[in-house]
Amino acid sequence: MKIYTKLAFFAGGTLFGSFGVELLSGKSAKKAYVHATAAGLRVKDRIMQSVTTVQENASDILASAKELNEERAEKEAKEAAAANLESEEA
């Protein structure tokens, strides 16, 4: 009985595989593949636009942060110089 079950599964798989190959290589399947690929390319383009926007924003943020740090360093240097001057006068 076990052999008949295995043989039935093998025959069914072979039949389904043969039918599947015919189904997947048909004109309507090719049309579906083209539409799916086109949709994938559109999604890729939109994602790349978003990535570009994020990169541009990150560059702006980095430049602003560097500018802020430079201003802060200048302020601290002036405060340190003023503190040195006061300690020398005392």
N, C-alpha and C. Protein backbone atom coordinates (compact mmCIF):
# COMPACT_ATOMS: atom_id res chain seq x y z
N MET A 1 0.83 -1.19 0.00
CA MET A 1 0.00 0.00 0.00
C MET A 1 0.88 1.25 0.00
N LYS A 2 1.97 1.19 0.72
CA LYS A 2 2.86 2.33 0.81
C LYS A 2 3.46 2.67 -0.56
N ILE A 3 3.77 1.67 -1.33
CA ILE A 3 4.35 1.86 -2.66
C ILE A 3 3.33 2.53 -3.58
N TYR A 4 2.06 2.14 -3.49
CA TYR A 4 1.04 2.73 -4.34
C TYR A 4 0.84 4.22 -4.03
N THR A 5 0.97 4.57 -2.76
CA THR A 5 0.82 5.97 -2.37
C THR A 5 1.97 6.79 -2.94
N LYS A 6 3.18 6.26 -2.81
CA LYS A 6 4.34 6.96 -3.35
C LYS A 6 4.25 7.08 -4.87
N LEU A 7 3.81 6.02 -5.52
CA LEU A 7 3.67 6.02 -6.98
C LEU A 7 2.60 7.03 -7.41
N ALA A 8 1.52 7.12 -6.65
CA ALA A 8 0.45 8.07 -6.98
C ALA A 8 0.95 9.51 -6.81
N PHE A 9 1.69 9.74 -5.73
CA PHE A 9 2.26 11.08 -5.53
C PHE A 9 3.24 11.44 -6.65
N PHE A 10 4.06 10.49 -7.06
CA PHE A 10 5.01 10.73 -8.14
C PHE A 10 4.29 11.05 -9.45
N ALA A 11 3.29 10.27 -9.77
CA ALA A 11 2.54 10.48 -11.02
C ALA A 11 1.81 11.83 -10.98
N GLY A 12 1.21 12.13 -9.83
CA GLY A 12 0.51 13.40 -9.70
C GLY A 12 1.47 14.58 -9.80
N GLY A 13 2.63 14.46 -9.18
CA GLY A 13 3.62 15.53 -9.25
C GLY A 13 4.15 15.73 -10.66
N THR A 14 4.37 14.65 -11.37
CA THR A 14 4.84 14.74 -12.75
C THR A 14 3.79 15.41 -13.63
N LEU A 15 2.55 14.99 -13.47
CA LEU A 15 1.46 15.58 -14.25
C LEU A 15 1.30 17.06 -13.92
N PHE A 16 1.30 17.39 -12.63
CA PHE A 16 1.16 18.79 -12.22
C PHE A 16 2.36 19.62 -12.70
N GLY A 17 3.55 19.05 -12.64
CA GLY A 17 4.75 19.76 -13.10
C GLY A 17 4.69 20.04 -14.59
N SER A 18 4.27 19.08 -15.37
CA SER A 18 4.15 19.27 -16.82
C SER A 18 3.11 20.33 -17.14
N PHE A 19 1.99 20.26 -16.47
CA PHE A 19 0.93 21.26 -16.68
C PHE A 19 1.42 22.64 -16.21
N GLY A 20 2.15 22.68 -15.11
CA GLY A 20 2.66 23.94 -14.57
C GLY A 20 3.63 24.62 -15.51
N VAL A 21 4.50 23.84 -16.15
CA VAL A 21 5.45 24.41 -17.11
C VAL A 21 4.70 25.03 -18.28
N GLU A 22 3.70 24.34 -18.78
CA GLU A 22 2.90 24.89 -19.88
C GLU A 22 2.18 26.16 -19.45
N LEU A 23 1.65 26.16 -18.25
CA LEU A 23 0.92 27.31 -17.73
C LEU A 23 1.85 28.50 -17.54
N LEU A 24 3.04 28.27 -17.01
CA LEU A 24 3.97 29.35 -16.72
C LEU A 24 4.65 29.92 -17.97
N SER A 25 4.64 29.17 -19.07
CA SER A 25 5.29 29.66 -20.28
C SER A 25 4.29 30.21 -21.30
N GLY A 26 3.05 30.39 -20.92
CA GLY A 26 2.03 30.89 -21.83
C GLY A 26 2.10 32.41 -22.01
N LYS A 27 1.34 32.91 -22.98
CA LYS A 27 1.31 34.35 -23.27
C LYS A 27 0.76 35.16 -22.10
N SER A 28 -0.29 34.66 -21.48
CA SER A 28 -0.87 35.41 -20.36
C SER A 28 0.09 35.45 -19.18
N ALA A 29 0.85 34.39 -18.97
CA ALA A 29 1.84 34.39 -17.89
C ALA A 29 2.94 35.40 -18.19
N LYS A 30 3.37 35.46 -19.45
CA LYS A 30 4.41 36.42 -19.84
C LYS A 30 3.91 37.84 -19.61
N LYS A 31 2.66 38.09 -19.94
CA LYS A 31 2.08 39.41 -19.73
C LYS A 31 2.06 39.76 -18.24
N ALA A 32 1.72 38.79 -17.40
CA ALA A 32 1.71 39.01 -15.96
C ALA A 32 3.12 39.29 -15.45
N TYR A 33 4.12 38.58 -15.98
CA TYR A 33 5.51 38.81 -15.57
C TYR A 33 5.95 40.22 -15.93
N VAL A 34 5.55 40.67 -17.13
CA VAL A 34 5.93 42.02 -17.58
C VAL A 34 5.32 43.07 -16.66
N HIS A 35 4.05 42.90 -16.32
CA HIS A 35 3.38 43.87 -15.43
C HIS A 35 3.99 43.86 -14.03
N ALA A 36 4.31 42.69 -13.53
CA ALA A 36 4.92 42.61 -12.19
C ALA A 36 6.31 43.24 -12.19
N THR A 37 7.08 43.01 -13.24
CA THR A 37 8.41 43.60 -13.33
C THR A 37 8.33 45.11 -13.45
N ALA A 38 7.38 45.60 -14.26
CA ALA A 38 7.20 47.04 -14.41
C ALA A 38 6.83 47.68 -13.08
N ALA A 39 5.96 47.03 -12.33
CA ALA A 39 5.57 47.55 -11.01
C ALA A 39 6.78 47.58 -10.07
N GLY A 40 7.58 46.55 -10.12
CA GLY A 40 8.79 46.51 -9.30
C GLY A 40 9.75 47.63 -9.63
N LEU A 41 9.90 47.93 -10.91
CA LEU A 41 10.78 49.03 -11.33
C LEU A 41 10.24 50.39 -10.87
N ARG A 42 8.91 50.55 -10.91
CA ARG A 42 8.32 51.80 -10.43
C ARG A 42 8.56 51.98 -8.93
N VAL A 43 8.41 50.90 -8.19
CA VAL A 43 8.65 50.95 -6.75
C VAL A 43 10.10 51.30 -6.48
N LYS A 44 11.01 50.70 -7.23
CA LYS A 44 12.44 50.98 -7.07
C LYS A 44 12.72 52.45 -7.31
N ASP A 45 12.14 53.03 -8.35
CA ASP A 45 12.35 54.45 -8.64
C ASP A 45 11.86 55.33 -7.50
N ARG A 46 10.71 55.02 -6.95
CA ARG A 46 10.17 55.82 -5.84
C ARG A 46 11.03 55.69 -4.60
N ILE A 47 11.51 54.49 -4.34
CA ILE A 47 12.37 54.29 -3.17
C ILE A 47 13.67 55.07 -3.35
N MET A 48 14.22 55.05 -4.55
CA MET A 48 15.47 55.77 -4.79
C MET A 48 15.27 57.29 -4.65
N GLN A 49 14.10 57.80 -5.04
CA GLN A 49 13.81 59.22 -4.84
C GLN A 49 13.77 59.54 -3.34
N SER A 50 13.17 58.66 -2.57
CA SER A 50 13.10 58.86 -1.12
C SER A 50 14.49 58.80 -0.51
N VAL A 51 15.31 57.88 -0.97
CA VAL A 51 16.68 57.76 -0.46
C VAL A 51 17.47 59.02 -0.76
N THR A 52 17.31 59.55 -1.96
CA THR A 52 18.02 60.77 -2.34
C THR A 52 17.59 61.94 -1.45
N THR A 53 16.31 62.05 -1.19
CA THR A 53 15.80 63.12 -0.33
C THR A 53 16.37 62.99 1.08
N VAL A 54 16.39 61.78 1.61
CA VAL A 54 16.94 61.56 2.95
C VAL A 54 18.42 61.91 2.99
N GLN A 55 19.16 61.54 1.96
CA GLN A 55 20.60 61.85 1.92
C GLN A 55 20.82 63.36 1.87
N GLU A 56 20.01 64.06 1.09
CA GLU A 56 20.15 65.52 1.02
C GLU A 56 19.85 66.15 2.38
N ASN A 57 18.80 65.68 3.03
CA ASN A 57 18.46 66.21 4.36
C ASN A 57 19.56 65.91 5.36
N ALA A 58 20.15 64.73 5.28
CA ALA A 58 21.23 64.37 6.20
C ALA A 58 22.43 65.29 5.99
N SER A 59 22.73 65.63 4.74
CA SER A 59 23.84 66.54 4.46
C SER A 59 23.57 67.93 5.05
N ASP A 60 22.34 68.41 4.90
CA ASP A 60 21.97 69.70 5.47
C ASP A 60 22.09 69.68 6.99
N ILE A 61 21.64 68.62 7.61
CA ILE A 61 21.69 68.50 9.07
C ILE A 61 23.15 68.47 9.53
N LEU A 62 23.98 67.74 8.83
CA LEU A 62 25.39 67.65 9.20
C LEU A 62 26.07 69.02 9.09
N ALA A 63 25.79 69.74 8.02
CA ALA A 63 26.38 71.08 7.85
C ALA A 63 25.91 72.01 8.97
N SER A 64 24.65 71.97 9.32
CA SER A 64 24.12 72.81 10.39
C SER A 64 24.75 72.45 11.73
N ALA A 65 24.93 71.17 11.98
CA ALA A 65 25.54 70.72 13.24
C ALA A 65 26.99 71.18 13.34
N LYS A 66 27.73 71.10 12.24
CA LYS A 66 29.12 71.57 12.25
C LYS A 66 29.18 73.07 12.51
N GLU A 67 28.29 73.81 11.88
CA GLU A 67 28.24 75.27 12.09
C GLU A 67 27.93 75.59 13.55
N LEU A 68 26.98 74.89 14.13
CA LEU A 68 26.61 75.09 15.52
C LEU A 68 27.79 74.80 16.45
N ASN A 69 28.52 73.73 16.18
CA ASN A 69 29.68 73.39 17.00
C ASN A 69 30.78 74.44 16.88
N GLU A 70 30.98 74.99 15.68
CA GLU A 70 31.98 76.03 15.50
C GLU A 70 31.61 77.28 16.30
N GLU A 71 30.34 77.68 16.23
CA GLU A 71 29.87 78.85 16.99
C GLU A 71 30.04 78.62 18.50
N ARG A 72 29.73 77.42 18.93
CA ARG A 72 29.85 77.10 20.36
C ARG A 72 31.32 77.13 20.79
N ALA A 73 32.21 76.60 19.96
CA ALA A 73 33.63 76.61 20.28
C ALA A 73 34.17 78.04 20.36
N GLU A 74 33.72 78.91 19.42
CA GLU A 74 34.14 80.31 19.45
C GLU A 74 33.66 80.99 20.73
N LYS A 75 32.43 80.73 21.12
CA LYS A 75 31.86 81.32 22.33
C LYS A 75 32.64 80.86 23.56
N GLU A 76 32.94 79.57 23.63
CA GLU A 76 33.69 79.04 24.77
C GLU A 76 35.10 79.61 24.81
N ALA A 77 35.72 79.80 23.63
CA ALA A 77 37.07 80.38 23.58
C ALA A 77 37.04 81.82 24.08
N LYS A 78 36.01 82.59 23.69
CA LYS A 78 35.90 83.97 24.16
C LYS A 78 35.69 84.01 25.68
N GLU A 79 34.85 83.10 26.20
CA GLU A 79 34.61 83.05 27.64
C GLU A 79 35.88 82.66 28.39
N ALA A 80 36.65 81.73 27.84
CA ALA A 80 37.89 81.32 28.48
C ALA A 80 38.90 82.46 28.47
N ALA A 81 38.96 83.20 27.34
CA ALA A 81 39.87 84.33 27.25
C ALA A 81 39.47 85.42 28.25
N ALA A 82 38.18 85.66 28.41
CA ALA A 82 37.70 86.66 29.36
C ALA A 82 38.02 86.22 30.78
N ALA A 83 37.87 84.95 31.08
CA ALA A 83 38.17 84.44 32.41
C ALA A 83 39.67 84.56 32.70
N ASN A 84 40.52 84.30 31.70
CA ASN A 84 41.97 84.44 31.85
C ASN A 84 42.33 85.90 32.12
N LEU A 85 41.69 86.80 31.40
CA LEU A 85 41.96 88.23 31.56
C LEU A 85 41.56 88.69 32.95
N GLU A 86 40.44 88.23 33.45
CA GLU A 86 39.98 88.61 34.80
C GLU A 86 40.92 88.06 35.87
N SER A 87 41.41 86.81 35.69
CA SER A 87 42.30 86.24 36.68
C SER A 87 43.67 86.91 36.68
N GLU A 88 44.10 87.42 35.51
CA GLU A 88 45.37 88.14 35.44
C GLU A 88 45.25 89.51 36.08
N GLU A 89 44.11 90.14 35.98
CA GLU A 89 43.89 91.47 36.56
C GLU A 89 43.77 91.38 38.07
N ALA A 90 43.32 90.27 38.58
CA ALA A 90 43.13 90.16 40.04
C ALA A 90 44.39 89.87 40.76
